[in-house]
Every structure is written in structure tokens, then in C-alpha cells.
Amino acid sequence: MNGGGIISQEYEMVPVGALTPNQRNANQGDLGAVLGSIKTNRFYGAVMAQKSTGTIIAGEYRWRAAQEAGLEVVPVIWLDVSNSEAQRIMAADNRTCRVGIDDPLKMSELLNSIISDFGDLEGTGYDREDLDRIIADLGGPMVEPERPEPECMKPLKGVGIADLAPTDEERAILTGRKLLIEYSGGKDSSAAAIWARHYFPDSETELLFVDLGADFIGFHLYLHDASLFLGVPLVILRSKQTVIEAMLEKGEWPHPLYPYCHQNLHQPLDDYTRQFQPADIVILRGGRLSERAASGKKNESRFLVVDRMEEYKYFQPLYFSDKSSSEKLLEEAGLPIWDGYGRGLCRTACRVCPGQKPRAYAAIRREFPDVWAELLDLEGRFGPGGWSDPANLHAAKFGESADRGQGHIDRGEPDDEELAA
């Protein structure tokens, strides 16, 4: 034993031809997976090699994949060790990489986060079937264990604009910055816009709406009128691909745990936001704590960090309030709401979203026959699409969801808990 010290090592960019594999390396790596990672993520880290011989100790398949990818040089960490030590380190590196196991909950959260940010799992070595197996092993959707809620995490019910005043710290950050409001035209994002106009009337402000090509007829007229009412310019952003085009390309419905359509929404917003310096803007959203509880994503501040845009500040003025508070702000300000709510719809989501409440499907069947026909057409192509079973995430036929929703309406019962799309 040498006491666990640090081996003498040097870092250098080395021509790939200067390295040779160890003939005793028993590891049979997945060259395709490593090559896929390099093509997606680029080459990172380094190959470890014996300084005296140029023989690879660890990272042989990364070296092989680098050659396949056409790289002429790779980063190398030269280890100043004997032949016997090199063999032992190689055996230890291969073995220690295998004896660990993944925490399935954390792995499913990680993969879902990657899909949310990039739209797929390309470059990770995993695919959607792997994720489905991990989720199945967990016994269904991810559920956080029950924990007592600190007082600051309990939603404020039915509060008005005065109860949501910015703290001194929040005001110091928000003052003087341009405010970009991610605007869906729904109650929560409209309430966030009202909040911004009330507390920061002199700030330059924009409403950012992403047109995914699947809005209800007349919705853009409402957006225009809401923009005029608020006195805030409306910026229409467009995804390179409509959500229906994305569905037809994928040949499947978005899954509730990894909705690929989120990429179509996030990318235009991110691209527009990045034209501004992080110190010059704050992005406002209408998100609330109650919507995040099921995923375990809880903040103790109204500011939040978005992983893919971590250099920018996001702020949710209504985060610690409930749904009725958004409605109260709209009523206080006198902002008319979209008439789709009055016709039974529950959100301003894409008309073909598979994550709506059963009562919304009942309303679509009753009030929007052309949209209902479109949903049934897509169901004929992709199979059942309604995310109707909160316990097991089983897809149901839209007709079944609509029947259940109509039953809730007829009996005056609350709807099933809505799964976030």
C-alpha cells in the first residue's frame, strides 16, 4: 500500500496515433454509445495513459470513438507508473465503474430534465425505453414523500395585489431591468403581467407569446386585446416546427413525464431572451407552488433558476398564492379573460394537448366539434392519448376522458387532478 497519495501526472493534447490500447483490457465498451456522446456533447475529459509507453490505462473506447469521429488529437493525462501499476489501475478503473448503481428516482429525474431541455436523450447512452423501464421499476410516476410544509410554503388563498408586494430584496433586483413576461394568455400569466404593471409601471415590459400552431380559433384576437388593455407590447414568437408537425414526426403523443413538445415552446423563448444581457432583464412567469408540489420542485423564494438558462433571473410573483388569487387580481384590474374559459376549457393549452382535464375534453366535444374531430384523427394515428390515470399514467381514449369529465360536470364534482403538460 502506498498510503493513497496522488500519482505524478501531466496533461497534454496528444495525436491519437501516439496512443495504443492495452492488450489485457477486458472491458468491452459500447463504441456506438460513446461515439454518440462525442457527436452530441463533444469530447470532454481525458484519456489516461502510461507516460513511459503511451499505453492506454483508462478511456480506450473514448479514444477509439475519437478516431471514428475524425479527431486528430485528444486530451491525455500521462500517469508516471510502472507496467504492473498500470495493469492494476486499469483493472480498478473498469471494476469501480461497474460496482456502483444508479438511484432510479434521481436517474429518472435527470433524464426527464434532459428531455425537457433538449427534446430527446441523444448523446446520453439512454433512450426512452430505458426511461420507461426505470419509471416502471419505481412503480409509476415519481412521488415525493410527504413532508411537513414550512409556513412560507403554504399557499396564500384568495389574496389581492397588495398581499403580493415585492420585498425590498426583490424590488432591488427588479428595478431598472427590462421585464419579459412569458405569456400564455391564461389567468396566471395575465395576473403576473398585472402585478408587473402595478409595481413596476415605469419598467420596459414585453409579453412573450409562443405560437405553436395549435391555438383555438380567435385566441390571437384575445391576445391582441389583452396587450392593449395592459399597455404592454405583445411579441409573437414562433417555433420552427408546429406542435402538430412535431407529433406527426415523432409518431406518438408527448408523454406526461417527458413531453417533447416543451422543446418547441422553450427554444423560441430562450433564443429571444439570449439577445439580452442577463444583468439587464428579469423573466416573469405565472407559475405557482401548488403546480410544482407533485414534482418535488419547491423554492423558498419567488426567484428561481432554470437549468438551461442558469445565468438569467426568473421571477414568479404569484408563486406562494393559489389559483383563486390569480382570478382575484384579474377581477381587481378588470382584465377580461379569454372566452374559452366561459365555454368550459380549463387552460389556454394547445388544442391538441393530451394533458387536459376531463371536463376540458367534455367542453371540446360539446363546444368545438372541429377540434374534437382533429383529436380523434390524431388518436387514430397514435392511439389513446389522454393522460387520464394519475396513479399509473395510463393513456385513455379521448371519448372516455370526455365522458368522465361530463359526469363530473353533471354531478357537480371536482375534476381529477390535472397532470401538467
Protein backbone atom coordinates (compact mmCIF):
# COMPACT_ATOMS: atom_id res chain seq x y z
CA MET A 1 0.00 0.00 0.00
CA ASN A 2 1.32 3.48 -0.81
CA GLY A 3 -0.93 5.44 1.56
CA GLY A 4 -3.39 6.73 -1.02
CA GLY A 5 -1.20 9.55 -2.32
CA ILE A 6 -1.54 11.27 -5.71
CA ILE A 7 0.17 9.78 -8.75
CA SER A 8 2.51 12.06 -10.68
CA GLN A 9 0.52 13.09 -13.77
CA GLU A 10 0.66 15.56 -16.63
CA TYR A 11 -1.99 16.88 -19.02
CA GLU A 12 -1.25 17.20 -22.75
CA MET A 13 -3.05 17.30 -26.13
CA VAL A 14 -1.71 14.24 -27.95
CA PRO A 15 -2.11 12.91 -31.54
CA VAL A 16 -4.44 9.90 -31.47
CA GLY A 17 -1.79 7.81 -33.20
CA ALA A 18 0.59 8.25 -30.28
CA LEU A 19 -1.55 6.04 -28.05
CA THR A 20 -2.01 2.26 -28.06
CA PRO A 21 -4.67 0.12 -26.34
CA ASN A 22 -3.69 -2.29 -23.58
CA GLN A 23 -3.97 -5.86 -24.89
CA ARG A 24 -5.08 -7.03 -21.45
CA ASN A 25 -8.02 -4.63 -21.24
CA ALA A 26 -11.00 -6.92 -20.64
CA ASN A 27 -13.60 -4.14 -20.88
CA GLN A 28 -15.87 -4.40 -23.91
CA GLY A 29 -17.23 -0.87 -24.20
CA ASP A 30 -20.15 0.32 -26.32
CA LEU A 31 -18.35 2.19 -29.08
CA GLY A 32 -21.61 3.40 -30.63
CA ALA A 33 -22.83 4.94 -27.38
CA VAL A 34 -19.51 6.69 -26.75
CA LEU A 35 -19.39 7.94 -30.34
CA GLY A 36 -22.95 9.24 -29.98
CA SER A 37 -21.91 11.15 -26.88
CA ILE A 38 -18.96 12.74 -28.65
CA LYS A 39 -21.07 13.76 -31.62
CA THR A 40 -23.69 15.32 -29.34
CA ASN A 41 -21.66 16.61 -26.39
CA ARG A 42 -18.19 16.89 -27.96
CA PHE A 43 -15.14 15.18 -26.42
CA TYR A 44 -14.71 16.00 -22.74
CA GLY A 45 -12.38 14.79 -20.02
CA ALA A 46 -9.20 12.96 -20.93
CA VAL A 47 -7.74 9.55 -21.76
CA MET A 48 -5.38 8.24 -19.07
CA ALA A 49 -2.21 6.63 -20.39
CA GLN A 50 1.13 5.32 -19.09
CA LYS A 51 3.74 8.00 -19.61
CA SER A 52 6.63 5.68 -20.42
CA THR A 53 4.84 3.56 -23.07
CA GLY A 54 1.84 5.51 -24.38
CA THR A 55 -0.41 2.57 -23.44
CA ILE A 56 -3.97 3.49 -22.52
CA ILE A 57 -4.91 2.79 -18.90
CA ALA A 58 -8.44 4.18 -18.90
CA GLY A 59 -10.59 5.60 -21.69
CA GLU A 60 -9.82 3.20 -24.53
CA TYR A 61 -13.29 3.41 -26.04
CA ARG A 62 -13.29 7.18 -25.79
CA TRP A 63 -10.01 7.09 -27.75
CA ARG A 64 -11.49 4.70 -30.32
CA ALA A 65 -14.63 6.85 -30.65
CA ALA A 66 -12.48 9.96 -31.06
CA GLN A 67 -10.78 8.29 -34.02
CA GLU A 68 -14.16 7.34 -35.50
CA ALA A 69 -15.30 10.96 -35.06
CA GLY A 70 -12.26 12.18 -37.02
CA LEU A 71 -10.44 13.87 -34.14
CA GLU A 72 -6.71 14.20 -34.74
CA VAL A 73 -5.72 14.90 -31.13
CA VAL A 74 -7.21 14.03 -27.74
CA PRO A 75 -6.51 15.30 -24.23
CA VAL A 76 -4.35 12.85 -22.31
CA ILE A 77 -3.38 12.57 -18.66
CA TRP A 78 0.02 10.89 -18.54
CA LEU A 79 0.43 8.72 -15.44
CA ASP A 80 4.01 8.09 -14.30
CA VAL A 81 3.54 4.46 -13.20
CA SER A 82 5.17 1.08 -13.77
CA ASN A 83 3.72 -1.60 -16.03
CA SER A 84 2.40 -3.52 -13.03
CA GLU A 85 0.80 -0.43 -11.53
CA ALA A 86 -0.78 0.43 -14.88
CA GLN A 87 -2.39 -3.01 -15.07
CA ARG A 88 -3.77 -2.73 -11.54
CA ILE A 89 -5.15 0.79 -12.16
CA MET A 90 -6.82 -0.41 -15.37
CA ALA A 91 -8.48 -3.30 -13.52
CA ALA A 92 -9.57 -0.96 -10.70
CA ASP A 93 -10.99 1.64 -13.10
CA ASN A 94 -13.01 -0.95 -15.01
CA ARG A 95 -14.32 -2.54 -11.83
CA THR A 96 -15.16 0.60 -9.83
CA CYS A 97 -17.18 1.94 -12.78
CA ARG A 98 -19.37 -1.17 -12.63
CA VAL A 99 -19.96 -1.81 -8.94
CA GLY A 100 -21.94 1.39 -8.36
CA ILE A 101 -25.68 1.54 -9.04
CA ASP A 102 -27.97 4.37 -10.08
CA ASP A 103 -30.60 5.77 -7.77
CA PRO A 104 -33.65 5.16 -10.03
CA LEU A 105 -35.57 8.20 -8.79
CA LYS A 106 -32.65 10.57 -9.34
CA MET A 107 -31.88 8.96 -12.70
CA SER A 108 -35.46 9.34 -13.90
CA GLU A 109 -35.46 12.98 -12.75
CA LEU A 110 -32.16 13.57 -14.57
CA LEU A 111 -33.34 12.00 -17.82
CA ASN A 112 -36.67 13.83 -17.67
CA SER A 113 -34.80 17.10 -17.15
CA ILE A 114 -32.61 16.40 -20.20
CA ILE A 115 -35.66 15.64 -22.35
CA SER A 116 -37.35 18.81 -21.12
CA ASP A 117 -34.29 20.88 -22.09
CA PHE A 118 -33.27 19.18 -25.35
CA GLY A 119 -36.34 17.25 -26.52
CA ASP A 120 -34.62 13.83 -26.53
CA LEU A 121 -31.93 11.71 -24.85
CA GLU A 122 -29.46 11.81 -27.73
CA GLY A 123 -25.86 11.65 -26.54
CA THR A 124 -26.64 10.20 -23.10
CA GLY A 125 -26.48 6.49 -23.90
CA TYR A 126 -30.11 6.18 -22.77
CA ASP A 127 -33.30 6.09 -24.80
CA ARG A 128 -36.98 6.48 -23.94
CA GLU A 129 -37.39 2.73 -23.44
CA ASP A 130 -34.67 2.87 -20.78
CA LEU A 131 -36.52 5.70 -19.07
CA ASP A 132 -39.82 3.81 -19.27
CA ARG A 133 -38.16 0.81 -17.59
CA ILE A 134 -36.73 2.99 -14.82
CA ILE A 135 -40.15 4.54 -14.21
CA ALA A 136 -41.78 1.09 -14.25
CA ASP A 137 -39.26 -0.12 -11.65
CA LEU A 138 -40.27 2.81 -9.48
CA GLY A 139 -43.84 1.56 -9.63
CA GLY A 140 -45.32 4.51 -11.50
CA PRO A 141 -44.79 8.25 -11.57
CA MET A 142 -42.31 9.93 -9.26
CA VAL A 143 -43.90 10.91 -5.96
CA GLU A 144 -42.12 12.88 -3.26
CA PRO A 145 -42.53 11.56 0.27
CA GLU A 146 -44.82 13.60 2.46
CA ARG A 147 -43.01 16.25 4.49
CA PRO A 148 -44.37 18.95 6.77
CA GLU A 149 -44.58 22.20 4.83
CA PRO A 150 -42.79 25.22 6.29
CA GLU A 151 -45.11 28.18 6.74
CA CYS A 152 -43.60 30.03 3.77
CA MET A 153 -44.53 27.10 1.50
CA LYS A 154 -48.25 27.12 2.31
CA PRO A 155 -50.19 28.85 -0.48
CA LEU A 156 -51.85 32.17 0.25
CA LYS A 157 -55.53 31.81 -0.64
CA GLY A 158 -57.53 34.45 -2.43
CA VAL A 159 -55.04 37.26 -1.85
CA GLY A 160 -55.07 40.52 -3.77
CA ILE A 161 -52.38 42.65 -5.35
CA ALA A 162 -51.45 44.34 -2.06
CA ASP A 163 -50.67 40.99 -0.44
CA LEU A 164 -48.15 40.14 -3.17
CA ALA A 165 -45.99 43.27 -2.85
CA PRO A 166 -42.29 42.81 -3.67
CA THR A 167 -39.89 42.61 -0.76
CA ASP A 168 -37.07 45.13 -0.53
CA GLU A 169 -34.68 42.50 -1.88
CA GLU A 170 -36.97 41.64 -4.80
CA ARG A 171 -37.55 45.29 -5.61
CA ALA A 172 -33.81 45.98 -5.64
CA ILE A 173 -33.28 43.24 -8.24
CA LEU A 174 -36.31 44.04 -10.41
CA THR A 175 -36.00 47.83 -10.50
CA GLY A 176 -34.34 49.20 -13.62
CA ARG A 177 -34.42 45.93 -15.55
CA LYS A 178 -36.49 45.10 -18.58
CA LEU A 179 -39.28 42.67 -17.70
CA LEU A 180 -40.03 39.86 -20.15
CA ILE A 181 -43.28 38.09 -19.29
CA GLU A 182 -43.66 34.55 -20.61
CA TYR A 183 -47.29 34.98 -21.60
CA SER A 184 -49.76 32.20 -22.36
CA GLY A 185 -52.85 34.40 -22.25
CA GLY A 186 -54.08 32.34 -19.31
CA LYS A 187 -55.12 33.52 -15.87
CA ASP A 188 -51.78 33.05 -14.12
CA SER A 189 -49.55 34.73 -16.70
CA SER A 190 -52.12 37.53 -17.07
CA ALA A 191 -52.06 38.03 -13.30
CA ALA A 192 -48.24 38.15 -13.43
CA ALA A 193 -48.50 40.88 -16.07
CA ILE A 194 -50.94 42.85 -13.91
CA TRP A 195 -48.55 42.50 -10.97
CA ALA A 196 -45.65 43.84 -13.06
CA ARG A 197 -47.65 46.83 -14.32
CA HIS A 198 -48.85 47.63 -10.79
CA TYR A 199 -45.49 47.55 -9.03
CA PHE A 200 -43.13 48.47 -11.88
CA PRO A 201 -45.16 50.75 -14.17
CA ASP A 202 -42.07 52.57 -15.46
CA SER A 203 -40.16 49.41 -16.39
CA GLU A 204 -39.88 48.46 -20.04
CA THR A 205 -42.04 45.35 -20.34
CA GLU A 206 -42.95 42.85 -23.07
CA LEU A 207 -45.40 39.97 -23.31
CA LEU A 208 -43.75 36.97 -24.99
CA PHE A 209 -46.18 34.50 -26.56
CA VAL A 210 -45.04 31.40 -28.46
CA ASP A 211 -47.28 30.42 -31.37
CA LEU A 212 -47.09 26.62 -31.60
CA GLY A 213 -49.58 26.45 -34.44
CA ALA A 214 -52.35 24.78 -32.43
CA ASP A 215 -54.25 27.60 -30.71
CA PHE A 216 -58.03 27.81 -30.64
CA ILE A 217 -59.67 29.98 -33.29
CA GLY A 218 -59.90 33.59 -32.12
CA PHE A 219 -57.28 33.23 -29.39
CA HIS A 220 -54.83 35.61 -31.08
CA LEU A 221 -57.51 38.30 -31.14
CA TYR A 222 -57.80 37.94 -27.38
CA LEU A 223 -54.00 38.24 -27.02
CA HIS A 224 -54.09 41.48 -29.01
CA ASP A 225 -56.87 42.92 -26.85
CA ALA A 226 -55.17 41.87 -23.61
CA SER A 227 -51.95 43.53 -24.76
CA LEU A 228 -53.81 46.80 -25.43
CA PHE A 229 -55.58 46.61 -22.06
CA LEU A 230 -52.31 46.06 -20.19
CA GLY A 231 -50.47 48.68 -22.21
CA VAL A 232 -47.66 46.21 -22.86
CA PRO A 233 -46.39 45.29 -26.35
CA LEU A 234 -47.03 41.72 -27.45
CA VAL A 235 -44.16 39.83 -29.08
CA ILE A 236 -45.27 36.75 -31.03
CA LEU A 237 -42.53 34.12 -31.22
CA ARG A 238 -42.84 31.09 -33.46
CA SER A 239 -41.40 27.66 -33.14
CA LYS A 240 -39.55 26.31 -36.17
CA GLN A 241 -42.00 23.43 -36.10
CA THR A 242 -45.65 23.44 -35.07
CA VAL A 243 -46.62 21.09 -32.29
CA ILE A 244 -48.74 19.05 -34.71
CA GLU A 245 -45.78 18.72 -37.08
CA ALA A 246 -43.70 17.54 -34.12
CA MET A 247 -46.34 14.93 -33.25
CA LEU A 248 -46.53 13.66 -36.82
CA GLU A 249 -42.74 13.45 -36.99
CA LYS A 250 -42.49 11.58 -33.67
CA GLY A 251 -45.50 9.40 -34.45
CA GLU A 252 -46.56 9.42 -30.81
CA TRP A 253 -48.22 11.59 -28.19
CA PRO A 254 -45.99 13.57 -25.82
CA HIS A 255 -45.52 11.56 -22.63
CA PRO A 256 -46.57 13.30 -19.38
CA LEU A 257 -43.16 12.68 -17.80
CA TYR A 258 -41.13 13.80 -20.82
CA PRO A 259 -43.30 15.96 -23.10
CA TYR A 260 -41.09 16.54 -26.16
CA CYS A 261 -43.34 19.42 -27.20
CA HIS A 262 -41.85 21.53 -24.41
CA GLN A 263 -38.76 21.96 -26.58
CA ASN A 264 -40.92 23.66 -29.22
CA LEU A 265 -42.07 26.09 -26.53
CA HIS A 266 -38.78 26.69 -24.74
CA GLN A 267 -36.49 27.19 -27.73
CA PRO A 268 -38.11 30.37 -29.14
CA LEU A 269 -38.33 31.88 -25.65
CA ASP A 270 -34.69 31.05 -24.90
CA ASP A 271 -33.47 32.36 -28.25
CA TYR A 272 -35.31 35.65 -27.76
CA THR A 273 -34.13 36.00 -24.16
CA ARG A 274 -30.48 35.45 -25.05
CA GLN A 275 -30.36 38.61 -27.14
CA PHE A 276 -30.35 40.48 -23.81
CA GLN A 277 -27.56 40.56 -21.23
CA PRO A 278 -28.52 38.65 -18.06
CA ALA A 279 -27.95 41.76 -15.91
CA ASP A 280 -30.43 43.78 -17.97
CA ILE A 281 -33.60 41.66 -17.70
CA VAL A 282 -35.79 39.51 -15.48
CA ILE A 283 -38.16 36.91 -16.93
CA LEU A 284 -41.55 36.73 -15.22
CA ARG A 285 -43.76 33.66 -15.15
CA GLY A 286 -47.17 32.82 -13.72
CA GLY A 287 -46.07 29.57 -12.04
CA ARG A 288 -47.32 28.63 -8.59
CA LEU A 289 -46.02 26.36 -5.84
CA SER A 290 -49.06 24.08 -5.98
CA GLU A 291 -48.17 23.19 -9.58
CA ARG A 292 -44.66 22.14 -8.57
CA ALA A 293 -45.56 20.10 -5.50
CA ALA A 294 -46.08 16.82 -7.36
CA SER A 295 -42.65 17.03 -8.99
CA GLY A 296 -40.89 17.91 -5.75
CA LYS A 297 -39.59 21.15 -7.26
CA LYS A 298 -40.14 23.68 -4.49
CA ASN A 299 -38.42 27.01 -4.00
CA GLU A 300 -38.26 29.11 -0.88
CA SER A 301 -38.03 32.25 -3.00
CA ARG A 302 -40.10 33.73 -5.80
CA PHE A 303 -36.89 33.82 -7.83
CA LEU A 304 -35.93 30.57 -9.48
CA VAL A 305 -33.11 29.14 -11.57
CA VAL A 306 -33.88 27.48 -14.90
CA ASP A 307 -31.09 24.99 -15.53
CA ARG A 308 -30.79 25.55 -19.25
CA MET A 309 -30.76 29.36 -18.69
CA GLU A 310 -28.99 29.47 -15.36
CA GLU A 311 -27.33 32.82 -16.00
CA TYR A 312 -30.74 34.58 -16.19
CA LYS A 313 -33.09 35.51 -13.34
CA TYR A 314 -36.67 34.20 -13.40
CA PHE A 315 -39.36 35.53 -11.08
CA GLN A 316 -42.82 34.18 -10.24
CA PRO A 317 -44.82 36.87 -8.42
CA LEU A 318 -47.75 34.52 -7.70
CA TYR A 319 -45.62 31.58 -6.58
CA PHE A 320 -46.88 31.47 -2.99
CA SER A 321 -50.55 32.06 -3.83
CA ASP A 322 -53.33 29.78 -5.05
CA LYS A 323 -55.40 29.81 -8.24
CA SER A 324 -58.10 32.00 -6.73
CA SER A 325 -55.52 34.73 -6.16
CA SER A 326 -54.85 34.97 -9.91
CA GLU A 327 -58.58 35.28 -10.51
CA LYS A 328 -58.83 37.99 -7.84
CA LEU A 329 -56.04 40.04 -9.49
CA LEU A 330 -57.81 39.79 -12.84
CA GLU A 331 -61.09 40.87 -11.27
CA GLU A 332 -59.47 43.78 -9.42
CA ALA A 333 -57.79 45.02 -12.60
CA GLY A 334 -60.85 44.47 -14.78
CA LEU A 335 -58.94 42.47 -17.41
CA PRO A 336 -61.40 40.36 -19.43
CA ILE A 337 -60.45 36.69 -19.53
CA TRP A 338 -60.39 34.54 -22.66
CA ASP A 339 -63.89 33.38 -23.57
CA GLY A 340 -62.68 29.78 -23.84
CA TYR A 341 -62.85 29.59 -20.06
CA GLY A 342 -66.53 30.50 -20.21
CA ARG A 343 -67.11 27.68 -22.68
CA GLY A 344 -65.67 25.08 -20.32
CA LEU A 345 -61.96 24.99 -21.16
CA CYS A 346 -59.55 24.96 -18.23
CA ARG A 347 -56.32 26.21 -19.77
CA THR A 348 -55.05 28.07 -22.83
CA ALA A 349 -53.06 24.99 -23.81
CA CYS A 350 -52.66 23.83 -27.41
CA ARG A 351 -55.98 22.49 -28.58
CA VAL A 352 -54.43 19.04 -29.17
CA CYS A 353 -52.65 18.84 -25.81
CA PRO A 354 -53.14 15.34 -24.31
CA GLY A 355 -52.73 16.67 -20.76
CA GLN A 356 -56.02 18.50 -20.24
CA LYS A 357 -58.67 17.89 -17.61
CA PRO A 358 -61.52 15.50 -18.45
CA ARG A 359 -64.01 18.37 -18.20
CA ALA A 360 -61.97 20.26 -20.81
CA TYR A 361 -62.37 17.32 -23.20
CA ALA A 362 -66.09 17.35 -22.48
CA ALA A 363 -66.12 21.05 -23.40
CA ILE A 364 -64.15 20.46 -26.60
CA ARG A 365 -66.55 17.72 -27.67
CA ARG A 366 -69.53 19.96 -26.91
CA GLU A 367 -68.30 23.41 -27.99
CA PHE A 368 -65.52 22.82 -30.53
CA PRO A 369 -66.57 19.99 -32.89
CA ASP A 370 -63.78 20.68 -35.39
CA VAL A 371 -61.13 20.42 -32.67
CA TRP A 372 -62.77 17.25 -31.38
CA ALA A 373 -62.61 15.72 -34.87
CA GLU A 374 -58.92 16.68 -35.06
CA LEU A 375 -58.20 14.97 -31.72
CA LEU A 376 -59.95 11.80 -32.85
CA ASP A 377 -57.97 11.86 -36.10
CA LEU A 378 -54.70 12.07 -34.14
CA GLU A 379 -55.93 9.33 -31.80
CA GLY A 380 -56.45 7.14 -34.84
CA ARG A 381 -52.83 7.74 -35.83
CA PHE A 382 -51.10 7.48 -32.43
CA GLY A 383 -53.51 5.51 -30.27
CA PRO A 384 -55.08 6.70 -26.99
CA GLY A 385 -53.60 9.99 -25.84
CA GLY A 386 -55.43 11.24 -22.76
CA TRP A 387 -53.24 11.32 -19.64
CA SER A 388 -56.19 10.17 -17.63
CA ASP A 389 -54.85 7.96 -14.86
CA PRO A 390 -52.83 9.93 -12.27
CA ALA A 391 -51.86 6.72 -10.48
CA ASN A 392 -50.36 4.84 -13.41
CA LEU A 393 -50.25 7.35 -16.26
CA HIS A 394 -52.31 5.02 -18.45
CA ALA A 395 -53.48 6.71 -21.63
CA ALA A 396 -57.23 6.74 -22.20
CA LYS A 397 -59.32 7.40 -25.25
CA PHE A 398 -60.47 10.98 -25.53
CA GLY A 399 -64.08 9.83 -25.58
CA GLU A 400 -63.60 8.13 -22.21
CA SER A 401 -61.98 11.25 -20.78
CA ALA A 402 -64.80 13.43 -22.10
CA ASP A 403 -67.44 11.07 -20.67
CA ARG A 404 -65.77 11.20 -17.26
CA GLY A 405 -65.48 14.98 -17.42
CA GLN A 406 -69.15 15.34 -18.35
CA GLY A 407 -70.01 13.13 -15.40
CA HIS A 408 -68.08 15.45 -13.09
CA ILE A 409 -69.98 18.41 -14.55
CA ASP A 410 -73.40 16.74 -14.26
CA ARG A 411 -72.78 15.69 -10.66
CA GLY A 412 -71.16 18.98 -9.66
CA GLU A 413 -67.95 17.18 -8.68
CA PRO A 414 -64.39 18.50 -8.94
CA ASP A 415 -62.31 17.14 -11.79
CA ASP A 416 -59.46 14.66 -11.47
CA GLU A 417 -56.21 16.35 -10.62
CA GLU A 418 -54.79 17.82 -13.81
CA LEU A 419 -51.47 16.45 -14.95
CA ALA A 420 -49.11 19.21 -16.04
CA ALA A 421 -48.41 19.15 -19.74
